[in-house]
Amino acid sequence: MILSVASGKGGTGKTTIAVSLALSSPVGITLLDCDVEEPNSRLFLGSQDWQEEPVTVPVPVIDEALCTACGECARFCEFKAIVHIGKTVMVFNDLCHSCGGCALVCPVQAIHEEDEAIGSLGYSSIPVRFIQGMLSVGKAMSPPVIRAVKRKATSDALSELTIIDSPPGTSCPMCTAVSGSDATILVTEPTPFGLHDLDLAVKTVRAMKIPFGVVINRSDSGDDRVVQYCTREGIPVLMQIPEDVRIAQGYARGVPLIESAPEYRDAFAHLVTEIISGTCFTGGAL
């Protein structure tokens, strides 16, 4: 089973929830950190057998000796990654989506593709099986790195449960991370911003037909508008975590929630059991 942990906004506690589920799980798990622009799950795991490998994407290279500057490649590219000006053809790799179409439409075969590094994968197996993606500084598109993390997870031995720590928001990175999930946990906070962005996330996973439930973090720091919203929309609230100075202090030191507040370990283990049974979500079809 694949479970993604997402939210409409950053800072709600996705990593806290994902790591807590992974460390308290009664079944074998794989944790994927797909928040590749700022991955931080590893800070709470203390991974000991760390390994890394590059993530590359194919980008077009133009052979100027063969190019006739006909402009077919530029006309084909919907992402404006190739620009034709007079007798000059320029490639902007940061806009390229690596579809390979420009090479196919070139009438003189003046375009070939070469691999360009855009990030890296890191992985370990202690204390849990863990894979992290990291987008290189200055690179614009994170979905290729996210997809590389997910491919790495499926190419190795499968765990009974895969947990995906997703990017914040509801744009392409988040959709790439949660795509293919059997269920999603949306983490929110009881504030006006939290509710606004939760509503966006709910609409997104509903459009993707993924079953989901909500975890409310810092549940006593605001008001009850998120609970009222979930009741009105028929969304199950899977857990509420009140503000706790122990959790905040532990987070600042890189200590997982279930170690800062051990009484939550059984609650997260029980939630994993409910998740696997598929009885705690709404929408979609498990």
Protein backbone atom coordinates (compact mmCIF):
# COMPACT_ATOMS: atom_id res chain seq x y z
CA MET A 1 0.00 0.00 0.00
CA ILE A 2 1.16 3.54 -0.80
CA LEU A 3 0.23 6.31 1.64
CA SER A 4 1.09 9.93 0.90
CA VAL A 5 1.23 12.65 3.56
CA ALA A 6 0.41 16.06 2.08
CA SER A 7 -1.03 19.47 2.86
CA GLY A 8 -2.10 22.64 1.14
CA LYS A 9 0.58 24.74 2.86
CA GLY A 10 4.05 24.38 4.30
CA GLY A 11 4.84 24.12 7.99
CA THR A 12 1.79 22.13 9.05
CA GLY A 13 3.78 19.08 10.17
CA LYS A 14 3.84 16.67 7.21
CA THR A 15 7.33 15.44 8.01
CA THR A 16 6.46 15.07 11.71
CA ILE A 17 3.47 12.87 10.84
CA ALA A 18 5.24 10.87 8.11
CA VAL A 19 8.27 10.08 10.30
CA SER A 20 6.06 9.22 13.29
CA LEU A 21 4.02 6.78 11.20
CA ALA A 22 7.21 5.20 9.82
CA LEU A 23 8.93 4.75 13.18
CA SER A 24 5.86 3.40 14.97
CA SER A 25 4.60 1.13 12.17
CA PRO A 26 3.93 -2.48 13.17
CA VAL A 27 4.62 -3.57 9.55
CA GLY A 28 7.60 -3.18 7.24
CA ILE A 29 7.69 0.28 5.66
CA THR A 30 9.58 2.40 3.17
CA LEU A 31 9.68 6.15 3.79
CA LEU A 32 10.12 8.44 0.77
CA ASP A 33 11.00 12.11 1.21
CA CYS A 34 9.61 13.63 -1.98
CA ASP A 35 9.80 17.22 -0.73
CA VAL A 36 12.92 17.42 -2.88
CA GLU A 37 13.41 21.19 -2.67
CA GLU A 38 13.86 20.98 1.10
CA PRO A 39 13.96 17.35 2.31
CA ASN A 40 14.29 17.01 6.07
CA SER A 41 12.98 13.58 7.07
CA ARG A 42 16.55 12.33 7.34
CA LEU A 43 17.21 14.83 10.17
CA PHE A 44 14.89 12.77 12.38
CA LEU A 45 16.12 9.33 11.33
CA GLY A 46 19.87 9.51 11.84
CA SER A 47 20.40 7.26 8.81
CA GLN A 48 23.69 5.41 9.26
CA ASP A 49 24.33 3.56 5.98
CA TRP A 50 23.84 6.54 3.67
CA GLN A 51 24.44 6.22 -0.08
CA GLU A 52 23.85 8.64 -2.93
CA GLU A 53 23.49 8.60 -6.70
CA PRO A 54 22.78 11.36 -9.25
CA VAL A 55 19.45 12.09 -10.92
CA THR A 56 19.74 13.09 -14.59
CA VAL A 57 17.34 14.11 -17.36
CA PRO A 58 17.94 14.16 -21.12
CA VAL A 59 18.25 17.65 -22.63
CA PRO A 60 18.69 18.63 -26.29
CA VAL A 61 22.06 19.54 -27.76
CA ILE A 62 22.19 21.17 -31.19
CA ASP A 63 24.93 20.35 -33.66
CA GLU A 64 25.52 23.77 -35.22
CA ALA A 65 27.38 22.22 -38.16
CA LEU A 66 24.21 20.36 -39.20
CA CYS A 67 21.54 22.84 -38.06
CA THR A 68 19.86 24.80 -40.88
CA ALA A 69 17.94 27.08 -38.46
CA CYS A 70 14.64 25.99 -39.99
CA GLY A 71 12.89 26.54 -36.64
CA GLU A 72 10.93 23.27 -36.60
CA CYS A 73 12.23 22.39 -33.12
CA ALA A 74 11.22 25.77 -31.70
CA ARG A 75 7.76 25.56 -33.26
CA PHE A 76 7.28 22.10 -31.78
CA CYS A 77 8.36 22.95 -28.21
CA GLU A 78 5.31 24.02 -26.18
CA PHE A 79 7.48 24.97 -23.20
CA LYS A 80 9.59 27.55 -25.10
CA ALA A 81 12.75 25.68 -24.17
CA ILE A 82 14.03 26.22 -27.73
CA VAL A 83 14.03 29.67 -29.32
CA HIS A 84 14.65 30.37 -33.00
CA ILE A 85 15.87 33.89 -33.83
CA GLY A 86 17.08 34.47 -37.37
CA LYS A 87 19.90 32.02 -37.99
CA THR A 88 20.32 31.23 -34.30
CA VAL A 89 18.71 28.43 -32.27
CA MET A 90 19.06 28.62 -28.48
CA VAL A 91 18.22 25.95 -25.89
CA PHE A 92 17.09 26.79 -22.35
CA ASN A 93 17.58 23.59 -20.39
CA ASP A 94 15.72 24.83 -17.30
CA LEU A 95 12.50 25.01 -19.35
CA CYS A 96 12.99 21.65 -21.05
CA HIS A 97 10.59 18.84 -20.05
CA SER A 98 12.76 16.15 -21.70
CA CYS A 99 10.06 14.92 -24.06
CA GLY A 100 12.51 14.30 -26.92
CA GLY A 101 10.15 15.73 -29.51
CA CYS A 102 12.59 18.32 -30.84
CA ALA A 103 15.03 15.61 -31.87
CA LEU A 104 12.26 13.72 -33.63
CA VAL A 105 11.00 16.68 -35.69
CA CYS A 106 14.43 17.95 -36.74
CA PRO A 107 14.58 17.29 -40.52
CA VAL A 108 18.39 17.08 -40.61
CA GLN A 109 18.97 15.16 -37.33
CA ALA A 110 20.91 18.09 -35.89
CA ILE A 111 19.62 17.47 -32.35
CA HIS A 112 20.67 14.74 -29.95
CA GLU A 113 20.10 14.39 -26.22
CA GLU A 114 22.63 14.32 -23.40
CA ASP A 115 22.06 13.63 -19.71
CA GLU A 116 22.17 16.61 -17.35
CA ALA A 117 22.33 16.20 -13.56
CA ILE A 118 19.48 17.99 -11.78
CA GLY A 119 19.64 16.42 -8.34
CA SER A 120 20.47 13.35 -6.34
CA LEU A 121 18.96 10.35 -4.58
CA GLY A 122 20.03 9.36 -1.10
CA TYR A 123 19.00 6.13 0.58
CA SER A 124 19.56 4.00 3.64
CA SER A 125 18.04 1.01 5.43
CA ILE A 126 18.73 1.90 9.10
CA PRO A 127 16.62 2.55 11.18
CA VAL A 128 13.97 2.23 8.42
CA ARG A 129 14.18 1.83 4.67
CA PHE A 130 14.40 5.43 3.50
CA ILE A 131 14.84 7.21 0.15
CA GLN A 132 15.30 10.95 -0.26
CA GLY A 133 15.38 13.17 -3.32
CA MET A 134 17.35 16.44 -3.45
CA LEU A 135 16.91 19.00 -6.22
CA SER A 136 20.18 20.76 -7.11
CA VAL A 137 20.45 24.44 -6.25
CA GLY A 138 19.37 26.59 -9.20
CA LYS A 139 17.30 23.88 -10.89
CA ALA A 140 13.69 24.76 -11.56
CA MET A 141 11.73 21.51 -11.96
CA SER A 142 11.34 19.09 -9.09
CA PRO A 143 8.92 16.48 -10.60
CA PRO A 144 11.72 14.52 -12.39
CA VAL A 145 13.54 14.09 -9.06
CA ILE A 146 10.28 13.08 -7.34
CA ARG A 147 9.62 10.47 -10.01
CA ALA A 148 13.19 9.17 -9.59
CA VAL A 149 12.57 8.67 -5.86
CA LYS A 150 9.39 6.72 -6.58
CA ARG A 151 11.10 4.59 -9.25
CA LYS A 152 13.91 3.76 -6.83
CA ALA A 153 11.34 2.61 -4.27
CA THR A 154 9.56 0.29 -6.69
CA SER A 155 12.76 -1.13 -8.21
CA ASP A 156 13.89 -2.58 -4.89
CA ALA A 157 12.13 -5.04 -2.57
CA LEU A 158 8.64 -3.81 -1.76
CA SER A 159 7.53 -3.07 1.80
CA GLU A 160 4.04 -3.69 3.07
CA LEU A 161 3.55 0.07 3.39
CA THR A 162 5.23 2.94 1.54
CA ILE A 163 4.88 6.39 3.12
CA ILE A 164 5.49 9.48 0.97
CA ASP A 165 6.41 12.79 2.59
CA SER A 166 5.04 15.14 -0.09
CA PRO A 167 5.92 18.72 -1.05
CA PRO A 168 3.62 21.48 0.28
CA GLY A 169 0.98 23.13 -1.85
CA THR A 170 -1.25 21.73 -4.58
CA SER A 171 0.83 22.33 -7.72
CA CYS A 172 2.78 19.92 -9.93
CA PRO A 173 5.29 18.71 -7.28
CA MET A 174 2.55 17.74 -4.83
CA CYS A 175 0.46 16.08 -7.54
CA THR A 176 3.50 14.14 -8.80
CA ALA A 177 4.23 12.91 -5.27
CA VAL A 178 0.69 11.76 -4.38
CA SER A 179 -0.10 10.35 -7.83
CA GLY A 180 -0.60 6.59 -7.59
CA SER A 181 -1.22 6.65 -3.83
CA ASP A 182 -3.81 4.33 -2.36
CA ALA A 183 -4.66 6.96 0.27
CA THR A 184 -3.55 10.39 1.46
CA ILE A 185 -3.33 12.04 4.87
CA LEU A 186 -3.81 15.81 4.69
CA VAL A 187 -2.08 17.57 7.58
CA THR A 188 -3.49 20.94 8.58
CA GLU A 189 -3.62 23.42 11.44
CA PRO A 190 -6.66 25.22 12.94
CA THR A 191 -5.97 28.65 11.44
CA PRO A 192 -7.58 30.65 8.62
CA PHE A 193 -4.58 29.93 6.36
CA GLY A 194 -4.64 26.27 7.36
CA LEU A 195 -8.33 25.94 6.47
CA HIS A 196 -7.97 27.82 3.19
CA ASP A 197 -5.13 25.64 1.98
CA LEU A 198 -6.72 22.46 3.34
CA ASP A 199 -9.73 23.18 1.14
CA LEU A 200 -7.42 23.43 -1.90
CA ALA A 201 -5.75 20.14 -0.97
CA VAL A 202 -9.13 18.43 -0.48
CA LYS A 203 -10.28 19.55 -3.93
CA THR A 204 -7.00 18.30 -5.42
CA VAL A 205 -7.10 14.77 -3.99
CA ARG A 206 -10.81 14.51 -4.76
CA ALA A 207 -10.09 15.39 -8.39
CA MET A 208 -7.37 12.70 -8.36
CA LYS A 209 -9.88 10.24 -6.82
CA ILE A 210 -7.60 9.37 -3.89
CA PRO A 211 -9.19 8.39 -0.53
CA PHE A 212 -8.09 10.73 2.25
CA GLY A 213 -8.40 11.80 5.85
CA VAL A 214 -7.16 14.74 7.92
CA VAL A 215 -4.72 15.10 10.81
CA ILE A 216 -4.95 18.38 12.74
CA ASN A 217 -1.60 19.44 14.17
CA ARG A 218 -1.38 21.99 17.01
CA SER A 219 -5.09 21.38 17.34
CA ASP A 220 -5.64 23.68 20.34
CA SER A 221 -3.77 26.67 18.91
CA GLY A 222 -6.65 28.12 16.91
CA ASP A 223 -10.39 27.56 16.71
CA ASP A 224 -12.73 24.78 15.60
CA ARG A 225 -13.29 25.93 12.02
CA VAL A 226 -11.25 23.03 10.57
CA VAL A 227 -13.26 20.48 12.56
CA GLN A 228 -16.49 22.13 11.40
CA TYR A 229 -15.26 22.05 7.79
CA CYS A 230 -14.38 18.35 8.02
CA THR A 231 -17.78 17.57 9.56
CA ARG A 232 -19.57 19.53 6.86
CA GLU A 233 -17.59 17.85 4.08
CA GLY A 234 -17.81 14.35 5.56
CA ILE A 235 -14.03 14.11 5.99
CA PRO A 236 -12.71 11.85 8.78
CA VAL A 237 -10.38 13.50 11.30
CA LEU A 238 -7.85 10.74 11.92
CA MET A 239 -5.92 12.40 14.74
CA GLN A 240 -5.60 15.68 16.61
CA ILE A 241 -2.26 16.62 18.15
CA PRO A 242 -2.38 19.51 20.69
CA GLU A 243 0.47 21.96 21.08
CA ASP A 244 3.16 20.47 23.30
CA VAL A 245 6.42 22.16 24.21
CA ARG A 246 8.14 18.75 24.38
CA ILE A 247 7.35 18.15 20.71
CA ALA A 248 8.57 21.60 19.68
CA GLN A 249 11.80 21.26 21.64
CA GLY A 250 12.40 17.78 20.26
CA TYR A 251 11.76 18.95 16.70
CA ALA A 252 14.37 21.70 17.13
CA ARG A 253 16.90 19.02 18.13
CA GLY A 254 15.93 16.55 15.40
CA VAL A 255 14.10 14.22 17.79
CA PRO A 256 10.99 12.44 16.38
CA LEU A 257 7.61 13.22 17.95
CA ILE A 258 7.14 9.68 19.26
CA GLU A 259 10.38 10.00 21.23
CA SER A 260 9.63 13.48 22.56
CA ALA A 261 6.09 12.41 23.51
CA PRO A 262 6.19 8.57 23.78
CA GLU A 263 2.48 8.31 24.59
CA TYR A 264 1.75 8.95 20.89
CA ARG A 265 3.61 5.83 19.69
CA ASP A 266 0.63 3.50 20.21
CA ALA A 267 -1.72 6.03 18.60
CA PHE A 268 0.39 6.18 15.45
CA ALA A 269 0.78 2.39 15.37
CA HIS A 270 -3.00 2.04 15.64
CA LEU A 271 -3.45 4.59 12.86
CA VAL A 272 -1.13 2.56 10.60
CA THR A 273 -3.27 -0.52 11.25
CA GLU A 274 -6.43 1.41 10.36
CA ILE A 275 -4.78 2.82 7.24
CA ILE A 276 -3.83 -0.63 5.98
CA SER A 277 -7.36 -1.90 6.63
CA GLY A 278 -8.71 1.01 4.56
CA THR A 279 -11.48 1.78 7.03
CA CYS A 280 -10.54 5.33 7.98
CA PHE A 281 -10.71 7.27 4.72
CA THR A 282 -13.32 8.99 2.60
CA GLY A 283 -13.61 9.37 -1.18
CA GLY A 284 -11.96 7.38 -3.96
CA ALA A 285 -11.74 3.60 -3.76
CA LEU A 286 -9.16 1.59 -1.84
